Every structure is written in C-alpha cells, then in structure tokens.
Protein backbone atom coordinates (compact mmCIF):
# COMPACT_ATOMS: atom_id res chain seq x y z
CA MET A 1 0.04 -0.05 -0.05
CA VAL A 2 1.10 3.66 -0.30
CA ALA A 3 1.61 4.13 3.26
CA THR A 4 3.96 1.33 3.51
CA ALA A 5 5.90 2.46 0.62
CA VAL A 6 6.18 6.08 2.14
CA MET A 7 7.48 4.31 5.47
CA ARG A 8 9.92 2.48 3.71
CA VAL A 9 11.37 5.52 1.79
CA GLY A 10 11.11 7.71 5.07
CA LEU A 11 13.15 5.03 6.72
CA LEU A 12 15.78 4.85 4.25
CA ALA A 13 16.41 8.70 4.20
CA LEU A 14 16.44 8.74 7.97
CA LEU A 15 19.01 5.90 8.02
CA LEU A 16 20.93 7.78 5.25
CA VAL A 17 20.59 11.36 6.79
CA ALA A 18 21.38 9.83 10.38
CA SER A 19 24.71 8.56 9.21
CA THR A 20 25.91 12.15 8.43
CA ALA A 21 23.62 14.08 11.20
CA ARG A 22 25.66 16.09 13.67
CA ALA A 23 25.60 19.66 14.96
CA ASP A 24 26.31 21.89 12.05
CA PRO A 25 29.86 23.39 13.20
CA PRO A 26 30.44 27.04 13.05
CA LEU A 27 32.07 27.93 9.92
CA PRO A 28 34.98 30.51 9.37
CA GLU A 29 34.29 33.62 7.66
CA PRO A 30 34.70 33.01 3.99
CA SER A 31 36.64 34.92 1.62
CA PRO A 32 34.61 36.91 -1.29
CA VAL A 33 35.83 34.13 -3.57
CA GLU A 34 34.92 31.40 -1.14
CA ALA A 35 31.21 32.90 -0.51
CA GLN A 36 30.63 32.77 -3.95
CA ALA A 37 31.87 29.17 -4.40
CA GLU A 38 30.51 27.82 -1.32
CA PRO A 39 26.97 27.36 -0.62
CA ALA A 40 25.71 28.78 2.81
CA PRO A 41 24.32 26.21 5.50
CA VAL A 42 20.76 25.72 5.70
CA HIS A 43 19.19 26.25 9.43
CA TYR A 44 16.04 24.37 10.19
CA GLU A 45 13.53 24.85 13.17
CA PRO A 46 14.08 22.10 16.02
CA VAL A 47 11.91 18.89 16.34
CA GLY A 48 10.93 16.82 19.25
CA ILE A 49 9.13 14.43 20.96
CA PRO A 50 5.94 15.59 19.72
CA ASP A 51 7.17 15.45 16.21
CA TYR A 52 8.16 11.68 16.75
CA VAL A 53 4.88 10.88 18.48
CA THR A 54 2.99 12.17 15.48
CA ILE A 55 4.85 10.24 12.95
CA GLY A 56 4.29 7.11 14.91
CA LEU A 57 0.53 7.48 15.42
CA GLY A 58 -0.02 8.83 11.95
CA PHE A 59 1.84 6.01 10.38
CA GLY A 60 0.32 3.50 12.96
CA ALA A 61 -3.33 4.71 12.10
CA SER A 62 -2.46 4.42 8.38
CA VAL A 63 -1.43 0.86 8.79
CA LEU A 64 -4.51 0.00 10.91
CA ALA A 65 -6.74 1.54 8.41
CA ASN A 66 -5.21 -0.64 5.40
CA SER A 67 -5.60 -3.74 7.76
CA LEU A 68 -9.29 -3.10 8.39
CA LYS A 69 -12.10 -3.75 5.93
CA PRO A 70 -14.17 -0.99 4.51
CA ARG A 71 -17.35 -0.01 6.59
CA SER A 72 -19.67 -0.97 3.87
CA MET A 73 -18.85 -2.70 0.55
CA GLN A 74 -21.72 -1.87 -1.57
CA PRO A 75 -21.81 -0.11 -5.18
CA ALA A 76 -21.77 3.51 -4.44
CA ALA A 77 -24.19 6.00 -6.04
CA ARG A 78 -22.76 7.68 -9.18
CA VAL A 79 -22.26 11.43 -9.42
CA ASP A 80 -22.93 13.13 -12.54
CA PHE A 81 -19.79 15.36 -12.44
CA ASP A 82 -17.51 12.12 -11.91
CA GLU A 83 -19.28 10.07 -14.57
CA ALA A 84 -18.72 12.71 -17.08
CA ALA A 85 -15.05 12.97 -16.03
CA ARG A 86 -14.64 9.44 -16.31
CA ASP A 87 -16.08 9.06 -19.84
CA VAL A 88 -13.45 11.59 -20.98
CA VAL A 89 -10.40 10.14 -19.59
CA ARG A 90 -10.77 6.78 -18.80
CA LEU A 91 -8.40 4.42 -21.21
CA ASP A 92 -10.33 1.73 -23.16
CA SER A 93 -8.12 -1.15 -22.71
CA LEU A 94 -7.39 -3.01 -19.64
CA SER A 95 -3.80 -3.51 -20.41
CA ALA A 96 -3.44 0.36 -20.96
CA ARG A 97 -5.26 1.11 -17.83
CA TYR A 98 -2.70 -1.35 -16.15
CA ALA A 99 0.36 0.45 -17.71
CA ILE A 100 -0.86 3.91 -16.63
CA ARG A 101 -1.37 2.59 -13.09
CA ASP A 102 2.41 1.63 -13.07
CA ALA A 103 3.05 4.80 -14.19
CA SER A 104 1.24 6.46 -11.52
CA ASP A 105 3.61 4.44 -9.10
CA VAL A 106 6.58 5.85 -10.56
CA THR A 107 5.70 9.59 -10.18
CA ILE A 108 4.31 9.04 -6.62
CA SER A 109 7.56 7.51 -5.88
CA LEU A 110 9.47 10.46 -7.32
CA LEU A 111 7.36 12.93 -5.28
CA MET A 112 7.94 10.73 -2.15
CA MET A 113 11.83 10.93 -2.71
CA GLY A 114 11.91 14.29 -3.49
CA PRO A 115 11.62 16.05 -0.27
CA LEU A 116 13.37 13.19 1.79
CA LEU A 117 16.01 12.08 -0.37
CA GLY A 118 16.59 14.95 -2.74
CA ASP A 119 15.98 17.82 -0.50
CA ALA A 120 17.08 16.43 2.85
CA LEU A 121 19.69 14.27 1.90
CA VAL A 122 21.50 15.36 -1.24
CA THR A 123 21.01 19.28 -1.16
CA THR A 124 20.82 20.03 2.53
CA ALA A 125 23.04 17.33 4.26
CA TRP A 126 25.41 17.09 1.07
CA TYR A 127 25.37 20.18 -0.98
CA ARG A 128 24.53 22.71 1.77
CA LYS A 129 26.61 20.85 4.48
CA SER A 130 23.88 21.08 7.06
CA PRO A 131 23.30 17.61 8.28
CA ALA A 132 21.60 18.54 11.39
CA ALA A 133 19.12 20.68 9.46
CA ALA A 134 18.74 17.87 7.03
CA TRP A 135 17.75 15.35 9.92
CA ARG A 136 15.13 17.99 10.94
CA MET A 137 13.83 18.24 7.56
CA ALA A 138 13.37 14.80 6.83
CA ILE A 139 11.48 14.57 10.18
CA VAL A 140 9.12 17.33 9.25
CA ASP A 141 8.56 15.55 5.93
CA LEU A 142 7.69 12.38 7.62
CA GLU A 143 5.44 13.86 9.84
CA ALA A 144 3.55 15.63 6.97
CA PHE A 145 3.26 12.14 5.23
CA ALA A 146 2.23 10.34 8.38
CA ILE A 147 -0.63 13.08 8.65
CA THR A 148 -1.83 12.57 5.32
CA GLY A 149 -1.50 8.86 5.41
CA ALA A 150 -3.83 8.62 8.65
CA LEU A 151 -6.48 10.94 7.26
CA GLN A 152 -6.36 9.07 3.84
CA GLY A 153 -6.57 5.61 5.20
CA LEU A 154 -9.27 6.27 8.10
CA THR A 155 -11.38 8.19 5.41
CA ASN A 156 -11.13 5.18 2.95
CA VAL A 157 -12.47 2.97 5.63
CA LEU A 158 -15.20 5.23 6.87
CA VAL A 159 -16.64 6.13 3.40
CA SER A 160 -16.07 2.67 1.73
CA ARG A 161 -16.58 4.14 -1.80
CA GLU A 162 -16.29 1.53 -4.79
CA ARG A 163 -13.79 2.15 -7.26
CA PRO A 164 -14.79 3.04 -10.81
CA TYR A 165 -13.56 -0.32 -12.20
CA GLY A 166 -15.73 -2.12 -9.91
CA ARG A 167 -18.51 -2.11 -12.28
CA THR A 168 -16.68 -3.79 -14.89
CA CYS A 169 -15.73 -6.92 -12.65
CA GLY A 170 -16.50 -10.02 -14.38
CA ALA A 171 -16.71 -7.98 -17.77
CA ASP A 172 -13.19 -6.57 -18.99
CA THR A 173 -11.86 -6.92 -15.28
CA PRO A 174 -11.42 -10.43 -14.36
CA ALA A 175 -13.94 -11.57 -11.71
CA ASP A 176 -11.37 -13.60 -9.68
CA SER A 177 -8.60 -10.82 -9.74
CA HIS A 178 -7.69 -9.24 -6.48
CA ASP A 179 -8.93 -5.90 -7.66
CA CYS A 180 -12.32 -7.55 -7.80
CA THR A 181 -12.09 -9.73 -4.87
CA GLY A 182 -10.15 -7.82 -2.30
CA SER A 183 -11.33 -4.92 0.19
CA VAL A 184 -9.16 -2.51 -2.22
CA ARG A 185 -11.88 -2.33 -4.52
CA TYR A 186 -13.65 -0.30 -1.95
CA ARG A 187 -11.24 2.36 -1.17
CA SER A 188 -11.86 4.88 -3.73
CA PHE A 189 -12.40 8.07 -1.52
CA PHE A 190 -9.99 9.69 -1.25
CA SER A 191 -7.02 8.84 -3.42
CA GLY A 192 -3.91 8.07 -1.57
CA HIS A 193 -1.70 8.39 -4.67
CA SER A 194 -3.00 12.01 -5.22
CA SER A 195 -2.88 12.84 -1.53
CA PHE A 196 0.48 11.73 -0.91
CA SER A 197 1.84 12.94 -4.24
CA PHE A 198 0.59 16.71 -3.65
CA THR A 199 2.07 16.48 0.15
CA GLY A 200 5.54 15.74 -1.40
CA ALA A 201 4.95 18.35 -3.97
CA ALA A 202 4.05 20.92 -1.12
CA LEU A 203 6.90 19.95 1.09
CA MET A 204 9.15 20.52 -1.92
CA CYS A 205 7.89 23.95 -2.70
CA SER A 206 7.52 24.91 0.93
CA GLN A 207 11.38 23.97 1.61
CA HIS A 208 12.74 25.37 -1.65
CA LEU A 209 10.88 28.74 -1.65
CA ARG A 210 11.87 29.25 2.28
CA PHE A 211 15.69 27.81 2.19
CA LYS A 212 16.63 28.56 -1.35
CA LEU A 213 18.21 25.16 -1.59
CA PHE A 214 19.52 25.98 -4.95
CA GLY A 215 20.62 29.53 -4.44
CA GLY A 216 17.15 31.13 -4.90
CA GLY A 217 15.69 32.72 -8.32
CA ALA A 218 14.07 30.61 -11.06
CA ALA A 219 15.51 27.39 -9.96
CA GLU A 220 13.22 27.22 -6.57
CA VAL A 221 10.01 28.38 -8.67
CA ALA A 222 10.82 25.58 -11.47
CA THR A 223 11.19 23.02 -8.20
CA CYS A 224 7.47 24.00 -7.48
CA ALA A 225 6.29 23.68 -11.09
CA VAL A 226 7.84 20.53 -11.48
CA GLY A 227 6.33 18.80 -8.34
CA PHE A 228 2.99 20.05 -8.80
CA THR A 229 2.96 18.89 -12.40
CA LEU A 230 3.96 15.55 -11.46
CA ALA A 231 1.32 15.58 -8.63
CA ALA A 232 -1.23 16.51 -11.08
CA SER A 233 -0.05 13.99 -13.52
CA THR A 234 -0.40 11.16 -10.74
CA ALA A 235 -4.09 12.09 -10.15
CA LEU A 236 -4.74 12.31 -13.86
CA PHE A 237 -3.13 8.51 -14.09
CA ARG A 238 -5.34 7.32 -11.42
CA MET A 239 -8.27 8.55 -13.28
CA MET A 240 -7.11 7.14 -16.50
CA GLY A 241 -6.48 3.57 -15.12
CA ASP A 242 -9.83 3.72 -13.34
CA MET A 243 -8.73 3.51 -10.07
CA HIS A 244 -10.52 6.77 -8.75
CA TYR A 245 -13.25 9.46 -9.59
CA ALA A 246 -12.49 13.06 -10.21
CA THR A 247 -13.79 14.01 -6.55
CA ASP A 248 -11.37 11.32 -5.38
CA VAL A 249 -8.29 12.98 -6.68
CA LEU A 250 -9.41 16.32 -6.40
CA THR A 251 -10.03 15.91 -2.45
CA GLY A 252 -6.58 14.13 -2.40
CA ALA A 253 -5.11 16.93 -4.05
CA ALA A 254 -6.56 19.47 -1.41
CA VAL A 255 -5.73 17.49 1.79
CA GLY A 256 -2.04 16.90 0.18
CA THR A 257 -1.49 20.28 -0.45
CA LEU A 258 -2.85 21.47 2.78
CA VAL A 259 -0.68 19.19 4.89
CA GLY A 260 2.51 19.79 2.88
CA PHE A 261 2.46 23.35 3.33
CA LEU A 262 0.57 23.65 6.75
CA VAL A 263 3.04 21.19 8.70
CA PRO A 264 6.18 23.13 7.71
CA ALA A 265 4.51 26.29 8.45
CA ILE A 266 3.22 25.33 11.89
CA HIS A 267 6.91 24.54 12.78
CA GLU A 268 8.07 27.67 11.89
CA ARG A 269 5.18 29.54 13.71
CA VAL A 270 5.98 27.59 16.80
CA TRP A 271 9.64 27.44 16.84
CA GLY A 272 10.21 30.80 15.03
CA PRO A 273 12.19 31.67 11.92
CA PRO A 274 15.81 30.38 11.32
CA THR A 275 17.13 33.96 11.92
CA ALA A 276 16.01 36.90 14.04
CA ALA A 277 13.70 39.12 11.93
CA PRO A 278 12.13 42.55 13.30
CA GLY A 279 8.49 42.36 14.65
CA LEU A 280 6.71 39.88 16.83
CA ARG A 281 8.49 36.59 17.25
CA VAL A 282 6.08 33.79 19.06
CA SER A 283 7.82 30.82 20.67
CA LEU A 284 6.99 27.82 23.13
CA VAL A 285 8.68 27.98 26.66
CA PRO A 286 8.72 25.03 28.86
CA THR A 287 7.65 26.22 32.35
CA GLY A 288 7.06 24.64 35.86
CA THR A 289 3.41 23.72 34.89
CA GLY A 290 3.98 22.85 31.15
CA LEU A 291 4.44 25.00 28.05
CA SER A 292 3.73 28.62 27.65
CA LEU A 293 3.43 31.03 24.70
CA MET A 294 6.30 33.92 24.93
CA GLY A 295 6.19 36.94 22.37
CA ALA A 296 9.06 39.13 21.92
CA TRP A 297 9.87 42.18 20.01
C-alpha cells in the first residue's frame, strides 16, 4: 500500500541522513571568492518528541486502516460530474489501464523521494553541508506524510466508496482478480496516490522557497512547478487507470497540498524563523506547569 511505501522511503532517508547527522560546526568567515563558490548552510527549526509521536501515531493509524475492511462494501451512488470526467479520461483497454497505473506508482515514488532524499539528504546534508538541518527537514517531511496517511486511510475505511472499475468486474476486469475480490475495490475515496503526491510537491515547494536550496531565483520556482506537475499527472493517471473518480483525486490533492504546506508552517510559527527578524516573534517556552507562549519584539 501507499503508506507502507512511504514508510520504507522515509526509513531509508532517515538512515542515510542519520549517518551524516551532527551539529553543524561553526564556519569561519569565507573570503569573497569562497562566499561565491561555497553554498551557505541551512538552518531548520528544532524537532522533538511531539514530532516523533505524531509520526508514530500517523503511520500506525494508516497501517491499521489498511488492515481493516471498509465499513460498507456496496456499490456507490454515481455522481454526474464523476461520470462525465470518467467518460473523458478513462483508457479503453485493460492493458493500457494497468500500464498507466504503473506510471502513477513511478510518479508518486519520485514525489516521495523528492523532499526526503533529494532535498534533505542530497541538497541539504551534502551540497549545503547542513546534516543537522537535513535530519530536522526529514522529520518534518515524515510528519506530513504520516498525517496524510492517517487522514486518507481512515477516510477510506469510513467512506468505503467503490472504485470506478468495480462495475466492470466480471466483464473486461477478471472477476477473480484481487482488484475485484479484495477490499481494495472499496477504497476509492479519497485517493492515496493523489494525497501523498501533493503532500510531497507542497513540501518541496515550501522547502525550496523558504531555504532557497538551489540558491534562489528561478530554480526554486521551477522545482515547485515540476513537483505540482508530477502530482497533477499522478492524479490524472489514477483516473485514466479507472482507479479513482475525479472527486477522489481532487479531494486528495486538496488534503495533500494543505498538509504539505501547513506542517512546515506550523513548525516555523511555533519555533520561530531560522534567523531573527524584526517584529513579533512567538515561541513555546517550557515552564514549571507545562508550556507557555512567549512573544518578543
């Protein structure tokens, strides 16, 4: 399932980043020539126990949801908008639909690896020489994916919407195939491929625009554009493969984008920006009775 694949990629990323993670050493003042040749280190907000707990609970809920049978495995009511979109984009042959489903697995894998391996490990830990920041970035990325997985998995079980191809079981889709006999047939709403893909795209966009991982300018905007283009392609592929309706992928896109932008923003809001800036700064401060919000100018 999608959540399992995210966990595998995440664990690989964490192992690789952890192998280089250390406190970023103080750097000597570079000469003007060195300043142009050497990329500046990246500073990322702290992470802590709440983040690790959220990751564990999120992926735990996702795995649990994938192990449960959908609430009601019955044919779903048809929606005119979904039916019209299906008629336009669904591929005619079964072999073509299987091929495009495989393509969606490739694009979602790229969008899962982008923020975790590309941004955190390669760009931040290696190129920008900020392994500690890379570790924190990977944790925030995993937290976003865990929240998306929990929301998507639990909704799948509760809504129990039949996939579009379900009506073709026994016709051009073999009745004895896993697609027709398994509970996966009733996990259409909302799309996991779409939600995870848009989460990955939003994380990449957030990280590149905030930290200017490629040095700023058009390269960061291009990264956003490529990420969301791949995410949109993934959603379209799922419809072409008759795995989801339009409302399934649109909901997944909305949830994934919201989570992918909101989780990094919450960290920045709580812990403060990487460098001091004029104006009000809000932070959490431990006290004798718990945590308190403190503002400073």
